[in-house]
């Protein structure tokens, strides 16, 4: 994927990520796994989605990854408020970006609460957990959001972190409500 996107040498791609070439080539050889922040930067640089980068989706069906919600959208405490689905073909829609952010935050909190340290936890397993939660949020958004809101592990975090989670859940469910067409009542 790196070479297809114009980075013929690992050294050039590593420089664009701001890391040593040796470190990057260890990722390519699957000797070690990058953290979520570096995966995000790889996606931005290659202009692919996390699903495409990790092989979870058919690349021909994915939209190139551009930066997620940014400074042009209204935020409270770093939480994007009520994003709308993007109708263009130039990046992931805002609802999916918000679902991914919610999944990343929920998994991170679960790991912190369970005592898994960042150094001891398996980065790829964390990515799998995040992807599984993301898929559940996409398939059953309200049911999964309700489960997250009621999750006793997530309730034990400090008030600031709980407010961030609550804001993400609220923004996500609001954005889903706005993008779904109203259901017709059957008689």
C-alpha atoms as a PDB file:
ATOM      1  CA  UNK A   1       0.000   0.000   0.000  1.00  0.00           C
ATOM      2  CA  UNK A   2       2.900   2.321   0.808  1.00  0.00           C
ATOM      3  CA  UNK A   3       4.436   1.900  -2.645  1.00  0.00           C
ATOM      4  CA  UNK A   4       1.045   2.194  -4.377  1.00  0.00           C
ATOM      5  CA  UNK A   5       0.616   5.591  -2.723  1.00  0.00           C
ATOM      6  CA  UNK A   6       3.954   6.916  -4.015  1.00  0.00           C
ATOM      7  CA  UNK A   7       6.348   6.031  -1.208  1.00  0.00           C
ATOM      8  CA  UNK A   8       8.801   3.833  -3.119  1.00  0.00           C
ATOM      9  CA  UNK A   9      11.188   3.582  -0.182  1.00  0.00           C
ATOM     10  CA  UNK A  10      10.325   2.864   3.418  1.00  0.00           C
ATOM     11  CA  UNK A  11      12.696   5.655   4.451  1.00  0.00           C
ATOM     12  CA  UNK A  12      10.523   8.324   2.776  1.00  0.00           C
ATOM     13  CA  UNK A  13       7.359   7.022   4.366  1.00  0.00           C
ATOM     14  CA  UNK A  14       9.028   6.794   7.778  1.00  0.00           C
ATOM     15  CA  UNK A  15      10.157  10.425   7.444  1.00  0.00           C
ATOM     16  CA  UNK A  16       6.617  11.518   6.589  1.00  0.00           C
ATOM     17  CA  UNK A  17       5.470   9.801   9.796  1.00  0.00           C
ATOM     18  CA  UNK A  18       8.263  11.396  11.812  1.00  0.00           C
ATOM     19  CA  UNK A  19       9.824   8.087  12.870  1.00  0.00           C
ATOM     20  CA  UNK A  20      13.051   6.195  12.230  1.00  0.00           C
ATOM     21  CA  UNK A  21      13.200   3.988   9.131  1.00  0.00           C
ATOM     22  CA  UNK A  22      14.243   0.985  11.236  1.00  0.00           C
ATOM     23  CA  UNK A  23      11.192   1.402  13.455  1.00  0.00           C
ATOM     24  CA  UNK A  24       8.867   1.608  10.446  1.00  0.00           C
ATOM     25  CA  UNK A  25      10.332  -1.415   8.663  1.00  0.00           C
ATOM     26  CA  UNK A  26       9.737  -3.472  11.821  1.00  0.00           C
ATOM     27  CA  UNK A  27       6.028  -2.600  11.429  1.00  0.00           C
ATOM     28  CA  UNK A  28       6.069  -3.682   7.780  1.00  0.00           C
ATOM     29  CA  UNK A  29       7.705  -6.981   8.721  1.00  0.00           C
ATOM     30  CA  UNK A  30       5.068  -7.454  11.481  1.00  0.00           C
ATOM     31  CA  UNK A  31       7.758  -7.714  14.143  1.00  0.00           C
ATOM     32  CA  UNK A  32       5.992  -5.070  16.247  1.00  0.00           C
ATOM     33  CA  UNK A  33       2.681  -3.240  15.965  1.00  0.00           C
ATOM     34  CA  UNK A  34       2.158   0.522  15.817  1.00  0.00           C
ATOM     35  CA  UNK A  35       0.026   2.345  18.370  1.00  0.00           C
ATOM     36  CA  UNK A  36      -3.336   3.875  17.433  1.00  0.00           C
ATOM     37  CA  UNK A  37      -1.879   7.344  17.049  1.00  0.00           C
ATOM     38  CA  UNK A  38       0.671   6.117  14.513  1.00  0.00           C
ATOM     39  CA  UNK A  39      -1.974   4.056  12.683  1.00  0.00           C
ATOM     40  CA  UNK A  40      -4.062   7.216  12.413  1.00  0.00           C
ATOM     41  CA  UNK A  41      -1.071   9.130  11.021  1.00  0.00           C
ATOM     42  CA  UNK A  42      -0.399   6.316   8.518  1.00  0.00           C
ATOM     43  CA  UNK A  43      -4.027   6.516   7.365  1.00  0.00           C
ATOM     44  CA  UNK A  44      -3.794  10.287   6.931  1.00  0.00           C
ATOM     45  CA  UNK A  45      -0.525  10.028   5.028  1.00  0.00           C
ATOM     46  CA  UNK A  46      -1.695   7.203   2.745  1.00  0.00           C
ATOM     47  CA  UNK A  47      -5.202   8.690   2.476  1.00  0.00           C
ATOM     48  CA  UNK A  48      -6.880   5.391   3.373  1.00  0.00           C
ATOM     49  CA  UNK A  49      -9.363   4.380   6.046  1.00  0.00           C
ATOM     50  CA  UNK A  50      -8.293   2.374   9.103  1.00  0.00           C
ATOM     51  CA  UNK A  51     -10.355  -0.551   7.765  1.00  0.00           C
ATOM     52  CA  UNK A  52      -8.476  -0.442   4.463  1.00  0.00           C
ATOM     53  CA  UNK A  53      -5.067  -0.140   6.140  1.00  0.00           C
ATOM     54  CA  UNK A  54      -5.767  -3.088   8.450  1.00  0.00           C
ATOM     55  CA  UNK A  55      -7.327  -5.253   5.740  1.00  0.00           C
ATOM     56  CA  UNK A  56     -10.868  -5.243   7.179  1.00  0.00           C
ATOM     57  CA  UNK A  57     -12.510  -3.851   4.041  1.00  0.00           C
ATOM     58  CA  UNK A  58     -12.379  -4.081   0.282  1.00  0.00           C
ATOM     59  CA  UNK A  59     -10.204  -1.114  -0.807  1.00  0.00           C
ATOM     60  CA  UNK A  60     -12.378  -0.476  -3.854  1.00  0.00           C
ATOM     61  CA  UNK A  61     -15.352   0.117  -1.540  1.00  0.00           C
ATOM     62  CA  UNK A  62     -13.547   2.447   0.852  1.00  0.00           C
ATOM     63  CA  UNK A  63     -13.208   6.191   0.596  1.00  0.00           C
ATOM     64  CA  UNK A  64      -9.763   7.718   1.062  1.00  0.00           C
ATOM     65  CA  UNK A  65      -9.069   8.745   4.631  1.00  0.00           C
ATOM     66  CA  UNK A  66      -8.645  12.403   5.232  1.00  0.00           C
ATOM     67  CA  UNK A  67      -8.455  13.977   8.609  1.00  0.00           C
ATOM     68  CA  UNK A  68     -11.387  13.332  10.881  1.00  0.00           C
ATOM     69  CA  UNK A  69     -13.507  16.035  12.445  1.00  0.00           C
ATOM     70  CA  UNK A  70     -11.469  19.184  12.674  1.00  0.00           C
ATOM     71  CA  UNK A  71     -11.392  22.772  13.788  1.00  0.00           C
ATOM     72  CA  UNK A  72     -14.108  23.885  11.393  1.00  0.00           C
ATOM     73  CA  UNK A  73     -16.742  21.952  13.319  1.00  0.00           C
ATOM     74  CA  UNK A  74     -18.181  23.000  16.647  1.00  0.00           C
ATOM     75  CA  UNK A  75     -16.683  21.207  19.609  1.00  0.00           C
ATOM     76  CA  UNK A  76     -17.063  21.121  23.352  1.00  0.00           C
ATOM     77  CA  UNK A  77     -14.095  19.764  25.253  1.00  0.00           C
ATOM     78  CA  UNK A  78     -12.697  18.272  22.046  1.00  0.00           C
ATOM     79  CA  UNK A  79     -15.972  16.487  21.199  1.00  0.00           C
ATOM     80  CA  UNK A  80     -17.469  17.138  17.799  1.00  0.00           C
ATOM     81  CA  UNK A  81     -21.080  18.124  18.178  1.00  0.00           C
ATOM     82  CA  UNK A  82     -23.714  16.592  15.932  1.00  0.00           C
ATOM     83  CA  UNK A  83     -21.786  15.952  12.722  1.00  0.00           C
ATOM     84  CA  UNK A  84     -23.713  15.301   9.544  1.00  0.00           C
ATOM     85  CA  UNK A  85     -23.076  12.513   7.057  1.00  0.00           C
ATOM     86  CA  UNK A  86     -20.745  13.588   4.300  1.00  0.00           C
ATOM     87  CA  UNK A  87     -22.287  13.284   0.862  1.00  0.00           C
ATOM     88  CA  UNK A  88     -19.039  13.581  -1.094  1.00  0.00           C
ATOM     89  CA  UNK A  89     -16.547  10.894  -2.004  1.00  0.00           C
ATOM     90  CA  UNK A  90     -13.535  12.618  -0.448  1.00  0.00           C
ATOM     91  CA  UNK A  91     -13.342  11.025   2.990  1.00  0.00           C
ATOM     92  CA  UNK A  92     -15.129   9.032   5.629  1.00  0.00           C
ATOM     93  CA  UNK A  93     -18.510  10.316   6.645  1.00  0.00           C
ATOM     94  CA  UNK A  94     -18.676  12.194   9.937  1.00  0.00           C
ATOM     95  CA  UNK A  95     -20.919   9.577  11.572  1.00  0.00           C
ATOM     96  CA  UNK A  96     -18.363   6.827  10.922  1.00  0.00           C
ATOM     97  CA  UNK A  97     -15.548   9.056  12.173  1.00  0.00           C
ATOM     98  CA  UNK A  98     -17.492   9.728  15.343  1.00  0.00           C
ATOM     99  CA  UNK A  99     -18.258   6.008  15.786  1.00  0.00           C
ATOM    100  CA  UNK A 100     -14.541   5.252  15.457  1.00  0.00           C
ATOM    101  CA  UNK A 101     -13.626   7.944  18.029  1.00  0.00           C
ATOM    102  CA  UNK A 102     -16.233   6.581  20.442  1.00  0.00           C
ATOM    103  CA  UNK A 103     -14.924   3.036  19.992  1.00  0.00           C
ATOM    104  CA  UNK A 104     -11.305   4.154  20.552  1.00  0.00           C
ATOM    105  CA  UNK A 105     -12.228   6.057  23.719  1.00  0.00           C
ATOM    106  CA  UNK A 106     -14.408   3.256  25.162  1.00  0.00           C
ATOM    107  CA  UNK A 107     -11.752   0.585  24.570  1.00  0.00           C
ATOM    108  CA  UNK A 108      -9.038   2.816  26.058  1.00  0.00           C
ATOM    109  CA  UNK A 109     -11.125   3.409  29.182  1.00  0.00           C
ATOM    110  CA  UNK A 110     -11.899  -0.301  29.510  1.00  0.00           C
ATOM    111  CA  UNK A 111      -8.198  -1.118  29.318  1.00  0.00           C
ATOM    112  CA  UNK A 112      -7.310   1.532  31.885  1.00  0.00           C
ATOM    113  CA  UNK A 113     -10.016   0.311  34.256  1.00  0.00           C
ATOM    114  CA  UNK A 114      -9.012  -3.325  33.874  1.00  0.00           C
ATOM    115  CA  UNK A 115      -5.418  -2.463  34.769  1.00  0.00           C
ATOM    116  CA  UNK A 116      -3.936  -3.220  31.347  1.00  0.00           C
ATOM    117  CA  UNK A 117      -1.000  -0.917  30.883  1.00  0.00           C
ATOM    118  CA  UNK A 118      -0.253   0.464  27.442  1.00  0.00           C
ATOM    119  CA  UNK A 119       3.119  -1.271  27.419  1.00  0.00           C
ATOM    120  CA  UNK A 120       1.679  -4.638  28.448  1.00  0.00           C
ATOM    121  CA  UNK A 121      -1.377  -4.608  26.200  1.00  0.00           C
ATOM    122  CA  UNK A 122      -1.229  -6.006  22.684  1.00  0.00           C
ATOM    123  CA  UNK A 123      -1.687  -3.101  20.254  1.00  0.00           C
ATOM    124  CA  UNK A 124      -3.200  -5.290  17.566  1.00  0.00           C
ATOM    125  CA  UNK A 125      -5.645  -6.828  20.047  1.00  0.00           C
ATOM    126  CA  UNK A 126      -6.638  -3.303  21.084  1.00  0.00           C
ATOM    127  CA  UNK A 127      -7.210  -2.486  17.412  1.00  0.00           C
ATOM    128  CA  UNK A 128      -9.342  -5.621  17.022  1.00  0.00           C
ATOM    129  CA  UNK A 129     -11.446  -4.674  20.056  1.00  0.00           C
ATOM    130  CA  UNK A 130     -11.849  -1.153  18.680  1.00  0.00           C
ATOM    131  CA  UNK A 131     -12.824  -2.462  15.234  1.00  0.00           C
ATOM    132  CA  UNK A 132     -15.348  -4.900  16.741  1.00  0.00           C
ATOM    133  CA  UNK A 133     -16.976  -2.133  18.788  1.00  0.00           C
ATOM    134  CA  UNK A 134     -16.967   0.145  15.728  1.00  0.00           C
ATOM    135  CA  UNK A 135     -18.737  -2.537  13.671  1.00  0.00           C
ATOM    136  CA  UNK A 136     -21.332  -3.003  16.444  1.00  0.00           C
ATOM    137  CA  UNK A 137     -21.891   0.759  16.560  1.00  0.00           C
ATOM    138  CA  UNK A 138     -22.430   0.765  12.796  1.00  0.00           C
ATOM    139  CA  UNK A 139     -24.745  -2.276  12.796  1.00  0.00           C
ATOM    140  CA  UNK A 140     -26.827  -1.479  15.895  1.00  0.00           C
ATOM    141  CA  UNK A 141     -26.045   2.120  16.828  1.00  0.00           C
ATOM    142  CA  UNK A 142     -28.656   2.804  19.507  1.00  0.00           C
ATOM    143  CA  UNK A 143     -28.445  -0.611  21.154  1.00  0.00           C
ATOM    144  CA  UNK A 144     -24.647  -0.439  21.313  1.00  0.00           C
ATOM    145  CA  UNK A 145     -24.682   3.163  22.561  1.00  0.00           C
ATOM    146  CA  UNK A 146     -27.135   2.136  25.299  1.00  0.00           C
ATOM    147  CA  UNK A 147     -24.838  -0.749  26.293  1.00  0.00           C
ATOM    148  CA  UNK A 148     -21.889   1.657  26.509  1.00  0.00           C
ATOM    149  CA  UNK A 149     -23.896   4.097  28.616  1.00  0.00           C
ATOM    150  CA  UNK A 150     -24.814   1.285  31.021  1.00  0.00           C
ATOM    151  CA  UNK A 151     -21.377  -0.370  31.095  1.00  0.00           C
ATOM    152  CA  UNK A 152     -20.301  -0.497  34.769  1.00  0.00           C
ATOM    153  CA  UNK A 153     -16.618  -0.394  33.791  1.00  0.00           C
ATOM    154  CA  UNK A 154     -17.119   2.909  31.977  1.00  0.00           C
ATOM    155  CA  UNK A 155     -19.068   4.340  34.924  1.00  0.00           C
ATOM    156  CA  UNK A 156     -16.037   4.000  37.234  1.00  0.00           C
ATOM    157  CA  UNK A 157     -13.908   6.589  35.424  1.00  0.00           C
ATOM    158  CA  UNK A 158     -13.324  10.117  36.659  1.00  0.00           C
ATOM    159  CA  UNK A 159     -15.946  12.765  35.935  1.00  0.00           C
ATOM    160  CA  UNK A 160     -13.953  14.458  33.147  1.00  0.00           C
ATOM    161  CA  UNK A 161     -13.478  11.212  31.235  1.00  0.00           C
ATOM    162  CA  UNK A 162     -17.111  10.232  31.863  1.00  0.00           C
ATOM    163  CA  UNK A 163     -18.211  13.595  30.429  1.00  0.00           C
ATOM    164  CA  UNK A 164     -16.117  12.963  27.309  1.00  0.00           C
ATOM    165  CA  UNK A 165     -17.672   9.514  26.872  1.00  0.00           C
ATOM    166  CA  UNK A 166     -21.178  10.874  27.458  1.00  0.00           C
ATOM    167  CA  UNK A 167     -20.553  13.651  24.933  1.00  0.00           C
ATOM    168  CA  UNK A 168     -19.295  11.199  22.323  1.00  0.00           C
ATOM    169  CA  UNK A 169     -22.280   8.890  22.878  1.00  0.00           C
ATOM    170  CA  UNK A 170     -24.708  11.803  22.677  1.00  0.00           C
ATOM    171  CA  UNK A 171     -23.077  13.269  19.559  1.00  0.00           C
ATOM    172  CA  UNK A 172     -23.047   9.865  17.902  1.00  0.00           C
ATOM    173  CA  UNK A 173     -26.704   9.057  18.640  1.00  0.00           C
ATOM    174  CA  UNK A 174     -27.768  12.580  17.632  1.00  0.00           C
ATOM    175  CA  UNK A 175     -25.906  12.262  14.344  1.00  0.00           C
ATOM    176  CA  UNK A 176     -27.516   8.881  13.649  1.00  0.00           C
ATOM    177  CA  UNK A 177     -30.961  10.339  14.378  1.00  0.00           C
ATOM    178  CA  UNK A 178     -30.348  13.167  11.924  1.00  0.00           C
ATOM    179  CA  UNK A 179     -29.118  10.943   9.095  1.00  0.00           C
ATOM    180  CA  UNK A 180     -31.749   8.209   9.219  1.00  0.00           C
ATOM    181  CA  UNK A 181     -34.912   8.737   7.214  1.00  0.00           C
ATOM    182  CA  UNK A 182     -38.088   8.689   9.308  1.00  0.00           C
ATOM    183  CA  UNK A 183     -39.726   5.274   9.508  1.00  0.00           C
ATOM    184  CA  UNK A 184     -43.092   4.794   7.940  1.00  0.00           C
ATOM    185  CA  UNK A 185     -45.703   3.396  10.278  1.00  0.00           C
ATOM    186  CA  UNK A 186     -47.390   0.262   9.073  1.00  0.00           C
ATOM    187  CA  UNK A 187     -51.120  -0.019   9.451  1.00  0.00           C
END
